[in-house]
């Protein structure tokens, strides 16, 4: 595709190349961090997903429009503040983890890129490409304080959901502070059992699926919000199943392959109600159109 076409402002392309070059060190650190992290491996895919979604929408951006300078200045200001805060922390020798450093610098990179899109791409192109652009936010790792809070919330929620399953099936159990005392066996819900990675992947999937298959934004929001109860049910059921296996087969099941590598199985199970909900929401959008056609034909 030629850069001379109206939908590809050459100034934006060259400005993006310069921005990537300026942030080459943080971006390389992000690639290395994501490649060695179980939770943030999807950060490597986010830019490609955004580029693909923008490519799918390429037919709607050929019109010309004036730049959105107000948005550009706001985004550039936010990126500059983030960079200034990061370098101030470095200069003051505040303890910053690698993940926090990436959260600061990659957030600044994304904000500066938003500003360039607002300045060079124009209002109409920016409006049409708002979802692919906003999706780039998920290439930013969570700051540690957000990471720890989210992991703890999912850990406690999964434990409470598992306790509900034990109660529902009449299993004798004593639950206290993430610890289960089952007949002949004690089980603790560790942070690794929070299911934060699979929940995040499912959440990103819900955003993309809602954008591609649903016309109504609020129905896309329902699909995204449904990820939280689905994640808690999936993780709680997994803890319940492992507890049952340890009770009826033996405590050694806590170290079995089913426990260590069974996450993808339960993730696949959670996709069943997810896609059923997506199908239901999609059909609810098609139903009014069908009824309207019937009324016209009559």
C-alpha atoms as a PDB file:
ATOM      1  CA  UNK A   1       0.000   0.000   0.000  1.00  0.00           C
ATOM      2  CA  UNK A   2       1.427   3.363  -0.985  1.00  0.00           C
ATOM      3  CA  UNK A   3       2.048   5.975   1.660  1.00  0.00           C
ATOM      4  CA  UNK A   4       0.722   8.601  -0.753  1.00  0.00           C
ATOM      5  CA  UNK A   5      -2.840   7.366  -0.360  1.00  0.00           C
ATOM      6  CA  UNK A   6      -5.052   9.691   1.721  1.00  0.00           C
ATOM      7  CA  UNK A   7      -5.485   7.172   4.527  1.00  0.00           C
ATOM      8  CA  UNK A   8      -1.772   6.941   5.302  1.00  0.00           C
ATOM      9  CA  UNK A   9      -0.349  10.391   6.162  1.00  0.00           C
ATOM     10  CA  UNK A  10       3.368  10.243   5.526  1.00  0.00           C
ATOM     11  CA  UNK A  11       4.024  12.597   8.432  1.00  0.00           C
ATOM     12  CA  UNK A  12       2.398  10.112  10.816  1.00  0.00           C
ATOM     13  CA  UNK A  13       4.444   7.231   9.419  1.00  0.00           C
ATOM     14  CA  UNK A  14       7.761   9.062   9.764  1.00  0.00           C
ATOM     15  CA  UNK A  15       6.847  10.430  13.200  1.00  0.00           C
ATOM     16  CA  UNK A  16       6.009   6.886  14.357  1.00  0.00           C
ATOM     17  CA  UNK A  17       9.383   5.638  13.105  1.00  0.00           C
ATOM     18  CA  UNK A  18      11.156   8.395  15.048  1.00  0.00           C
ATOM     19  CA  UNK A  19       9.089   7.669  18.176  1.00  0.00           C
ATOM     20  CA  UNK A  20       9.880   3.944  18.017  1.00  0.00           C
ATOM     21  CA  UNK A  21      13.573   4.745  17.598  1.00  0.00           C
ATOM     22  CA  UNK A  22      13.507   7.057  20.632  1.00  0.00           C
ATOM     23  CA  UNK A  23      11.799   4.375  22.731  1.00  0.00           C
ATOM     24  CA  UNK A  24      13.838   1.478  21.328  1.00  0.00           C
ATOM     25  CA  UNK A  25      15.359   0.607  24.712  1.00  0.00           C
ATOM     26  CA  UNK A  26      12.036   0.482  26.658  1.00  0.00           C
ATOM     27  CA  UNK A  27      10.388  -1.382  23.775  1.00  0.00           C
ATOM     28  CA  UNK A  28      13.194  -3.947  23.710  1.00  0.00           C
ATOM     29  CA  UNK A  29      12.853  -4.354  27.479  1.00  0.00           C
ATOM     30  CA  UNK A  30       9.106  -4.844  27.013  1.00  0.00           C
ATOM     31  CA  UNK A  31       9.682  -7.574  24.421  1.00  0.00           C
ATOM     32  CA  UNK A  32      12.111  -9.369  26.723  1.00  0.00           C
ATOM     33  CA  UNK A  33       9.843  -8.938  29.743  1.00  0.00           C
ATOM     34  CA  UNK A  34       6.749 -10.200  27.909  1.00  0.00           C
ATOM     35  CA  UNK A  35       8.627 -13.136  26.400  1.00  0.00           C
ATOM     36  CA  UNK A  36       9.707 -14.310  29.859  1.00  0.00           C
ATOM     37  CA  UNK A  37       6.426 -13.537  31.666  1.00  0.00           C
ATOM     38  CA  UNK A  38       3.452 -15.848  31.823  1.00  0.00           C
ATOM     39  CA  UNK A  39       1.041 -13.011  32.590  1.00  0.00           C
ATOM     40  CA  UNK A  40       2.180 -10.397  30.082  1.00  0.00           C
ATOM     41  CA  UNK A  41       2.943 -12.576  27.074  1.00  0.00           C
ATOM     42  CA  UNK A  42      -0.064 -11.058  25.303  1.00  0.00           C
ATOM     43  CA  UNK A  43       1.655  -7.647  25.310  1.00  0.00           C
ATOM     44  CA  UNK A  44       3.618  -8.838  22.278  1.00  0.00           C
ATOM     45  CA  UNK A  45       0.407  -9.573  20.353  1.00  0.00           C
ATOM     46  CA  UNK A  46      -1.509  -6.392  21.172  1.00  0.00           C
ATOM     47  CA  UNK A  47       0.197  -4.121  18.569  1.00  0.00           C
ATOM     48  CA  UNK A  48      -0.353  -6.730  15.856  1.00  0.00           C
ATOM     49  CA  UNK A  49      -4.024  -7.147  16.819  1.00  0.00           C
ATOM     50  CA  UNK A  50      -4.462  -3.350  16.750  1.00  0.00           C
ATOM     51  CA  UNK A  51      -2.760  -3.145  13.348  1.00  0.00           C
ATOM     52  CA  UNK A  52      -4.996  -5.925  11.990  1.00  0.00           C
ATOM     53  CA  UNK A  53      -8.161  -4.236  13.296  1.00  0.00           C
ATOM     54  CA  UNK A  54      -7.028  -0.954  11.759  1.00  0.00           C
ATOM     55  CA  UNK A  55      -6.383  -2.751   8.458  1.00  0.00           C
ATOM     56  CA  UNK A  56      -9.888  -4.247   8.526  1.00  0.00           C
ATOM     57  CA  UNK A  57     -11.271  -0.732   8.916  1.00  0.00           C
ATOM     58  CA  UNK A  58      -9.052   0.803   6.257  1.00  0.00           C
ATOM     59  CA  UNK A  59     -11.926   1.405   3.843  1.00  0.00           C
ATOM     60  CA  UNK A  60     -13.530   3.922   6.186  1.00  0.00           C
ATOM     61  CA  UNK A  61     -10.610   6.303   6.681  1.00  0.00           C
ATOM     62  CA  UNK A  62      -9.900   7.731   3.247  1.00  0.00           C
ATOM     63  CA  UNK A  63     -11.765  10.960   3.864  1.00  0.00           C
ATOM     64  CA  UNK A  64      -9.768  14.017   4.891  1.00  0.00           C
ATOM     65  CA  UNK A  65     -10.426  16.041   8.014  1.00  0.00           C
ATOM     66  CA  UNK A  66      -8.651  18.587  10.159  1.00  0.00           C
ATOM     67  CA  UNK A  67      -6.328  17.550  12.981  1.00  0.00           C
ATOM     68  CA  UNK A  68      -7.621  17.147  16.515  1.00  0.00           C
ATOM     69  CA  UNK A  69      -5.066  19.452  18.079  1.00  0.00           C
ATOM     70  CA  UNK A  70      -6.738  19.591  21.479  1.00  0.00           C
ATOM     71  CA  UNK A  71      -6.588  15.813  21.858  1.00  0.00           C
ATOM     72  CA  UNK A  72      -3.014  15.743  20.517  1.00  0.00           C
ATOM     73  CA  UNK A  73      -1.801  18.340  23.014  1.00  0.00           C
ATOM     74  CA  UNK A  74      -3.549  16.522  25.867  1.00  0.00           C
ATOM     75  CA  UNK A  75      -2.003  13.160  24.889  1.00  0.00           C
ATOM     76  CA  UNK A  76       1.461  14.687  24.435  1.00  0.00           C
ATOM     77  CA  UNK A  77       1.164  16.408  27.812  1.00  0.00           C
ATOM     78  CA  UNK A  78       0.174  13.151  29.504  1.00  0.00           C
ATOM     79  CA  UNK A  79       3.088  11.324  27.892  1.00  0.00           C
ATOM     80  CA  UNK A  80       5.516  14.069  28.891  1.00  0.00           C
ATOM     81  CA  UNK A  81       4.301  14.013  32.488  1.00  0.00           C
ATOM     82  CA  UNK A  82       4.748  10.231  32.627  1.00  0.00           C
ATOM     83  CA  UNK A  83       8.278  10.490  31.241  1.00  0.00           C
ATOM     84  CA  UNK A  84       9.147  13.323  33.624  1.00  0.00           C
ATOM     85  CA  UNK A  85       7.812  11.317  36.577  1.00  0.00           C
ATOM     86  CA  UNK A  86       9.816   8.270  35.548  1.00  0.00           C
ATOM     87  CA  UNK A  87      13.089  10.177  35.181  1.00  0.00           C
ATOM     88  CA  UNK A  88      12.448  12.040  38.429  1.00  0.00           C
ATOM     89  CA  UNK A  89      12.055   8.683  40.175  1.00  0.00           C
ATOM     90  CA  UNK A  90      15.284   7.439  38.567  1.00  0.00           C
ATOM     91  CA  UNK A  91      17.145  10.628  39.487  1.00  0.00           C
ATOM     92  CA  UNK A  92      15.840  10.447  43.082  1.00  0.00           C
ATOM     93  CA  UNK A  93      16.850   6.766  43.236  1.00  0.00           C
ATOM     94  CA  UNK A  94      13.399   5.604  44.243  1.00  0.00           C
ATOM     95  CA  UNK A  95      13.075   1.819  44.187  1.00  0.00           C
ATOM     96  CA  UNK A  96      11.334   1.003  40.897  1.00  0.00           C
ATOM     97  CA  UNK A  97      10.789  -2.547  39.739  1.00  0.00           C
ATOM     98  CA  UNK A  98      11.291  -3.463  36.116  1.00  0.00           C
ATOM     99  CA  UNK A  99       7.543  -3.897  35.723  1.00  0.00           C
ATOM    100  CA  UNK A 100       6.805  -0.463  37.179  1.00  0.00           C
ATOM    101  CA  UNK A 101       9.464   1.102  34.964  1.00  0.00           C
ATOM    102  CA  UNK A 102       7.869  -0.460  31.899  1.00  0.00           C
ATOM    103  CA  UNK A 103       4.425   0.683  33.028  1.00  0.00           C
ATOM    104  CA  UNK A 104       5.723   4.286  33.143  1.00  0.00           C
ATOM    105  CA  UNK A 105       7.708   4.293  29.895  1.00  0.00           C
ATOM    106  CA  UNK A 106       5.352   2.249  27.697  1.00  0.00           C
ATOM    107  CA  UNK A 107       2.394   4.335  28.923  1.00  0.00           C
ATOM    108  CA  UNK A 108       4.326   7.429  27.851  1.00  0.00           C
ATOM    109  CA  UNK A 109       5.039   5.816  24.466  1.00  0.00           C
ATOM    110  CA  UNK A 110       1.361   5.037  23.894  1.00  0.00           C
ATOM    111  CA  UNK A 111       0.276   8.552  24.929  1.00  0.00           C
ATOM    112  CA  UNK A 112       2.793  10.177  22.597  1.00  0.00           C
ATOM    113  CA  UNK A 113       1.640   7.924  19.751  1.00  0.00           C
ATOM    114  CA  UNK A 114      -1.977   8.912  20.465  1.00  0.00           C
ATOM    115  CA  UNK A 115      -0.926  12.535  20.228  1.00  0.00           C
ATOM    116  CA  UNK A 116       0.725  11.994  16.854  1.00  0.00           C
ATOM    117  CA  UNK A 117      -2.395  10.245  15.549  1.00  0.00           C
ATOM    118  CA  UNK A 118      -4.550  13.168  16.691  1.00  0.00           C
ATOM    119  CA  UNK A 119      -2.233  15.690  15.076  1.00  0.00           C
ATOM    120  CA  UNK A 120      -1.435  13.993  11.760  1.00  0.00           C
ATOM    121  CA  UNK A 121      -4.305  11.564  11.127  1.00  0.00           C
ATOM    122  CA  UNK A 122      -7.200  13.978  11.566  1.00  0.00           C
ATOM    123  CA  UNK A 123     -10.475  13.899  13.455  1.00  0.00           C
ATOM    124  CA  UNK A 124     -12.358  11.564  11.127  1.00  0.00           C
ATOM    125  CA  UNK A 125      -9.589   8.971  10.919  1.00  0.00           C
ATOM    126  CA  UNK A 126      -9.078   9.185  14.677  1.00  0.00           C
ATOM    127  CA  UNK A 127     -12.778   8.579  15.293  1.00  0.00           C
ATOM    128  CA  UNK A 128     -12.876   5.604  12.914  1.00  0.00           C
ATOM    129  CA  UNK A 129      -9.733   4.059  14.398  1.00  0.00           C
ATOM    130  CA  UNK A 130     -10.573   4.704  18.057  1.00  0.00           C
ATOM    131  CA  UNK A 131     -10.915   1.041  19.039  1.00  0.00           C
ATOM    132  CA  UNK A 132      -7.613  -0.184  17.492  1.00  0.00           C
ATOM    133  CA  UNK A 133      -5.873   2.794  19.094  1.00  0.00           C
ATOM    134  CA  UNK A 134      -7.442   2.293  22.524  1.00  0.00           C
ATOM    135  CA  UNK A 135      -6.592  -1.403  22.379  1.00  0.00           C
ATOM    136  CA  UNK A 136      -2.901  -0.432  22.382  1.00  0.00           C
ATOM    137  CA  UNK A 137      -3.304   0.412  26.081  1.00  0.00           C
ATOM    138  CA  UNK A 138      -3.084  -3.306  26.819  1.00  0.00           C
ATOM    139  CA  UNK A 139       0.516  -3.468  25.649  1.00  0.00           C
ATOM    140  CA  UNK A 140       1.325  -1.638  28.909  1.00  0.00           C
ATOM    141  CA  UNK A 141       2.097  -3.947  31.875  1.00  0.00           C
ATOM    142  CA  UNK A 142       0.143  -3.292  35.043  1.00  0.00           C
ATOM    143  CA  UNK A 143       1.957  -1.313  37.742  1.00  0.00           C
ATOM    144  CA  UNK A 144       2.807  -3.608  40.637  1.00  0.00           C
ATOM    145  CA  UNK A 145       0.194  -2.045  42.933  1.00  0.00           C
ATOM    146  CA  UNK A 146      -2.533  -2.770  40.348  1.00  0.00           C
ATOM    147  CA  UNK A 147      -1.099  -6.207  39.619  1.00  0.00           C
ATOM    148  CA  UNK A 148      -1.070  -7.191  43.314  1.00  0.00           C
ATOM    149  CA  UNK A 149      -4.577  -5.844  43.946  1.00  0.00           C
ATOM    150  CA  UNK A 150      -6.063  -7.609  40.922  1.00  0.00           C
ATOM    151  CA  UNK A 151      -4.294 -10.870  41.722  1.00  0.00           C
ATOM    152  CA  UNK A 152      -5.459 -10.727  45.347  1.00  0.00           C
ATOM    153  CA  UNK A 153      -9.037  -9.939  44.328  1.00  0.00           C
ATOM    154  CA  UNK A 154      -9.186 -12.889  41.925  1.00  0.00           C
ATOM    155  CA  UNK A 155      -7.456 -15.130  44.468  1.00  0.00           C
ATOM    156  CA  UNK A 156     -10.020 -14.360  47.187  1.00  0.00           C
ATOM    157  CA  UNK A 157     -12.934 -14.461  44.752  1.00  0.00           C
ATOM    158  CA  UNK A 158     -11.860 -17.841  43.389  1.00  0.00           C
ATOM    159  CA  UNK A 159     -11.491 -19.229  46.897  1.00  0.00           C
ATOM    160  CA  UNK A 160     -14.978 -18.056  47.890  1.00  0.00           C
ATOM    161  CA  UNK A 161     -16.430 -19.499  44.686  1.00  0.00           C
ATOM    162  CA  UNK A 162     -14.718 -22.834  45.383  1.00  0.00           C
ATOM    163  CA  UNK A 163     -16.152 -22.763  48.911  1.00  0.00           C
ATOM    164  CA  UNK A 164     -19.584 -22.294  47.339  1.00  0.00           C
ATOM    165  CA  UNK A 165     -19.043 -25.360  45.156  1.00  0.00           C
ATOM    166  CA  UNK A 166     -17.983 -27.427  48.181  1.00  0.00           C
ATOM    167  CA  UNK A 167     -21.105 -26.307  50.040  1.00  0.00           C
ATOM    168  CA  UNK A 168     -23.327 -26.957  47.038  1.00  0.00           C
ATOM    169  CA  UNK A 169     -22.134 -30.549  46.691  1.00  0.00           C
ATOM    170  CA  UNK A 170     -22.262 -31.227  50.431  1.00  0.00           C
ATOM    171  CA  UNK A 171     -18.505 -31.646  50.922  1.00  0.00           C
ATOM    172  CA  UNK A 172     -17.392 -31.291  54.562  1.00  0.00           C
ATOM    173  CA  UNK A 173     -15.065 -28.304  54.540  1.00  0.00           C
ATOM    174  CA  UNK A 174     -13.717 -25.613  56.830  1.00  0.00           C
ATOM    175  CA  UNK A 175     -12.653 -22.408  55.078  1.00  0.00           C
ATOM    176  CA  UNK A 176     -10.554 -19.640  56.604  1.00  0.00           C
ATOM    177  CA  UNK A 177      -8.275 -17.041  55.002  1.00  0.00           C
ATOM    178  CA  UNK A 178      -7.709 -18.841  51.669  1.00  0.00           C
ATOM    179  CA  UNK A 179      -7.215 -22.198  53.432  1.00  0.00           C
ATOM    180  CA  UNK A 180      -9.512 -25.207  53.036  1.00  0.00           C
ATOM    181  CA  UNK A 181      -9.549 -28.042  55.515  1.00  0.00           C
ATOM    182  CA  UNK A 182     -11.023 -31.069  53.775  1.00  0.00           C
ATOM    183  CA  UNK A 183     -11.347 -34.602  55.156  1.00  0.00           C
ATOM    184  CA  UNK A 184      -7.759 -35.825  55.427  1.00  0.00           C
ATOM    185  CA  UNK A 185      -6.323 -32.974  53.405  1.00  0.00           C
ATOM    186  CA  UNK A 186      -5.544 -29.234  53.669  1.00  0.00           C
ATOM    187  CA  UNK A 187      -5.634 -27.006  50.596  1.00  0.00           C
ATOM    188  CA  UNK A 188      -4.395 -23.438  50.243  1.00  0.00           C
ATOM    189  CA  UNK A 189      -5.288 -21.117  47.376  1.00  0.00           C
ATOM    190  CA  UNK A 190      -1.967 -19.576  46.317  1.00  0.00           C
ATOM    191  CA  UNK A 191      -1.575 -16.394  44.198  1.00  0.00           C
ATOM    192  CA  UNK A 192      -0.713 -18.643  41.256  1.00  0.00           C
ATOM    193  CA  UNK A 193      -4.252 -20.018  41.527  1.00  0.00           C
ATOM    194  CA  UNK A 194      -5.858 -16.614  40.953  1.00  0.00           C
ATOM    195  CA  UNK A 195      -6.260 -17.235  37.208  1.00  0.00           C
ATOM    196  CA  UNK A 196      -5.241 -13.657  36.425  1.00  0.00           C
ATOM    197  CA  UNK A 197      -3.574 -14.582  33.122  1.00  0.00           C
ATOM    198  CA  UNK A 198      -6.474 -16.573  31.686  1.00  0.00           C
ATOM    199  CA  UNK A 199      -8.939 -13.922  32.889  1.00  0.00           C
ATOM    200  CA  UNK A 200      -6.936 -11.176  31.202  1.00  0.00           C
ATOM    201  CA  UNK A 201      -6.713 -13.154  27.958  1.00  0.00           C
ATOM    202  CA  UNK A 202     -10.452 -13.799  28.029  1.00  0.00           C
ATOM    203  CA  UNK A 203     -11.109 -10.108  28.725  1.00  0.00           C
ATOM    204  CA  UNK A 204      -9.037  -9.037  25.713  1.00  0.00           C
ATOM    205  CA  UNK A 205     -10.824 -11.664  23.623  1.00  0.00           C
ATOM    206  CA  UNK A 206     -14.177 -10.257  24.741  1.00  0.00           C
ATOM    207  CA  UNK A 207     -13.180  -6.732  23.696  1.00  0.00           C
ATOM    208  CA  UNK A 208     -12.092  -7.840  20.225  1.00  0.00           C
ATOM    209  CA  UNK A 209     -15.126 -10.109  19.782  1.00  0.00           C
ATOM    210  CA  UNK A 210     -17.487  -7.336  20.862  1.00  0.00           C
ATOM    211  CA  UNK A 211     -15.866  -4.928  18.413  1.00  0.00           C
ATOM    212  CA  UNK A 212     -16.029  -7.366  15.490  1.00  0.00           C
ATOM    213  CA  UNK A 213     -19.380  -9.054  16.032  1.00  0.00           C
ATOM    214  CA  UNK A 214     -21.585  -6.647  18.032  1.00  0.00           C
ATOM    215  CA  UNK A 215     -22.924  -3.305  16.842  1.00  0.00           C
ATOM    216  CA  UNK A 216     -24.147  -2.039  20.198  1.00  0.00           C
ATOM    217  CA  UNK A 217     -21.419  -0.723  22.549  1.00  0.00           C
ATOM    218  CA  UNK A 218     -23.420  -1.566  25.660  1.00  0.00           C
ATOM    219  CA  UNK A 219     -23.808  -5.187  24.527  1.00  0.00           C
ATOM    220  CA  UNK A 220     -20.067  -5.301  23.985  1.00  0.00           C
ATOM    221  CA  UNK A 221     -19.747  -4.000  27.534  1.00  0.00           C
ATOM    222  CA  UNK A 222     -21.972  -6.819  28.799  1.00  0.00           C
ATOM    223  CA  UNK A 223     -19.745  -9.351  27.063  1.00  0.00           C
ATOM    224  CA  UNK A 224     -16.619  -7.820  28.625  1.00  0.00           C
ATOM    225  CA  UNK A 225     -18.145  -7.602  32.112  1.00  0.00           C
ATOM    226  CA  UNK A 226     -19.234 -11.247  31.907  1.00  0.00           C
ATOM    227  CA  UNK A 227     -15.554 -12.229  31.928  1.00  0.00           C
ATOM    228  CA  UNK A 228     -15.285 -11.554  35.685  1.00  0.00           C
ATOM    229  CA  UNK A 229     -17.988 -14.004  36.866  1.00  0.00           C
ATOM    230  CA  UNK A 230     -16.865 -16.503  34.226  1.00  0.00           C
ATOM    231  CA  UNK A 231     -13.290 -16.280  35.472  1.00  0.00           C
ATOM    232  CA  UNK A 232     -14.303 -16.714  39.109  1.00  0.00           C
ATOM    233  CA  UNK A 233     -16.557 -19.663  38.273  1.00  0.00           C
ATOM    234  CA  UNK A 234     -13.831 -21.288  36.166  1.00  0.00           C
ATOM    235  CA  UNK A 235     -11.181 -20.895  38.837  1.00  0.00           C
ATOM    236  CA  UNK A 236     -13.472 -21.838  41.701  1.00  0.00           C
ATOM    237  CA  UNK A 237     -14.566 -24.971  39.870  1.00  0.00           C
ATOM    238  CA  UNK A 238     -10.935 -25.868  39.196  1.00  0.00           C
ATOM    239  CA  UNK A 239     -10.079 -25.577  42.912  1.00  0.00           C
ATOM    240  CA  UNK A 240     -13.164 -27.642  43.738  1.00  0.00           C
ATOM    241  CA  UNK A 241     -12.196 -30.404  41.281  1.00  0.00           C
ATOM    242  CA  UNK A 242      -8.620 -30.534  42.602  1.00  0.00           C
ATOM    243  CA  UNK A 243      -9.945 -30.753  46.147  1.00  0.00           C
ATOM    244  CA  UNK A 244     -12.227 -33.622  45.195  1.00  0.00           C
ATOM    245  CA  UNK A 245      -9.372 -35.465  43.492  1.00  0.00           C
ATOM    246  CA  UNK A 246      -7.151 -35.051  46.556  1.00  0.00           C
ATOM    247  CA  UNK A 247      -9.950 -36.352  48.788  1.00  0.00           C
ATOM    248  CA  UNK A 248     -10.975 -39.377  46.733  1.00  0.00           C
ATOM    249  CA  UNK A 249      -7.681 -40.380  45.083  1.00  0.00           C
ATOM    250  CA  UNK A 250      -5.005 -39.049  47.372  1.00  0.00           C
ATOM    251  CA  UNK A 251      -3.138 -35.892  48.439  1.00  0.00           C
ATOM    252  CA  UNK A 252      -0.521 -36.577  45.752  1.00  0.00           C
ATOM    253  CA  UNK A 253      -2.977 -35.186  43.190  1.00  0.00           C
ATOM    254  CA  UNK A 254      -1.960 -31.698  44.310  1.00  0.00           C
ATOM    255  CA  UNK A 255       1.352 -32.335  42.497  1.00  0.00           C
ATOM    256  CA  UNK A 256      -0.188 -34.064  39.486  1.00  0.00           C
ATOM    257  CA  UNK A 257      -0.097 -32.910  35.875  1.00  0.00           C
ATOM    258  CA  UNK A 258      -3.804 -32.201  36.162  1.00  0.00           C
ATOM    259  CA  UNK A 259      -3.059 -29.515  38.738  1.00  0.00           C
ATOM    260  CA  UNK A 260       0.068 -28.068  37.161  1.00  0.00           C
ATOM    261  CA  UNK A 261      -1.043 -28.075  33.515  1.00  0.00           C
ATOM    262  CA  UNK A 262      -4.826 -28.293  33.732  1.00  0.00           C
ATOM    263  CA  UNK A 263      -5.386 -24.554  33.301  1.00  0.00           C
ATOM    264  CA  UNK A 264      -5.940 -24.692  29.509  1.00  0.00           C
ATOM    265  CA  UNK A 265      -8.626 -27.360  29.969  1.00  0.00           C
ATOM    266  CA  UNK A 266     -10.661 -25.190  32.331  1.00  0.00           C
ATOM    267  CA  UNK A 267     -10.016 -22.139  30.147  1.00  0.00           C
ATOM    268  CA  UNK A 268     -11.477 -24.022  27.186  1.00  0.00           C
ATOM    269  CA  UNK A 269     -14.507 -24.923  29.305  1.00  0.00           C
ATOM    270  CA  UNK A 270     -15.067 -21.245  30.147  1.00  0.00           C
ATOM    271  CA  UNK A 271     -15.116 -20.445  26.426  1.00  0.00           C
ATOM    272  CA  UNK A 272     -18.334 -22.439  26.016  1.00  0.00           C
ATOM    273  CA  UNK A 273     -20.597 -20.056  28.021  1.00  0.00           C
ATOM    274  CA  UNK A 274     -18.594 -17.105  26.657  1.00  0.00           C
ATOM    275  CA  UNK A 275     -19.371 -17.948  23.035  1.00  0.00           C
ATOM    276  CA  UNK A 276     -22.968 -18.813  23.929  1.00  0.00           C
ATOM    277  CA  UNK A 277     -23.361 -15.341  25.435  1.00  0.00           C
ATOM    278  CA  UNK A 278     -21.740 -13.792  22.353  1.00  0.00           C
ATOM    279  CA  UNK A 279     -24.130 -15.708  20.103  1.00  0.00           C
ATOM    280  CA  UNK A 280     -27.108 -14.631  22.215  1.00  0.00           C
ATOM    281  CA  UNK A 281     -26.095 -10.965  22.101  1.00  0.00           C
ATOM    282  CA  UNK A 282     -25.476 -11.135  18.356  1.00  0.00           C
ATOM    283  CA  UNK A 283     -28.856 -12.723  17.699  1.00  0.00           C
ATOM    284  CA  UNK A 284     -30.562 -10.107  19.857  1.00  0.00           C
ATOM    285  CA  UNK A 285     -29.159  -7.468  17.490  1.00  0.00           C
ATOM    286  CA  UNK A 286     -30.306  -9.320  14.395  1.00  0.00           C
ATOM    287  CA  UNK A 287     -33.839  -9.974  15.696  1.00  0.00           C
ATOM    288  CA  UNK A 288     -35.134  -6.392  15.409  1.00  0.00           C
ATOM    289  CA  UNK A 289     -33.844  -6.166  11.841  1.00  0.00           C
ATOM    290  CA  UNK A 290     -35.667  -9.368  10.923  1.00  0.00           C
ATOM    291  CA  UNK A 291     -38.920  -8.231  12.508  1.00  0.00           C
ATOM    292  CA  UNK A 292     -38.651  -4.897  10.687  1.00  0.00           C
ATOM    293  CA  UNK A 293     -38.248  -6.682   7.356  1.00  0.00           C
ATOM    294  CA  UNK A 294     -41.338  -8.766   8.070  1.00  0.00           C
ATOM    295  CA  UNK A 295     -43.350  -5.666   8.860  1.00  0.00           C
ATOM    296  CA  UNK A 296     -42.240  -4.054   5.594  1.00  0.00           C
ATOM    297  CA  UNK A 297     -43.148  -7.136   3.548  1.00  0.00           C
ATOM    298  CA  UNK A 298     -46.603  -7.290   5.122  1.00  0.00           C
END
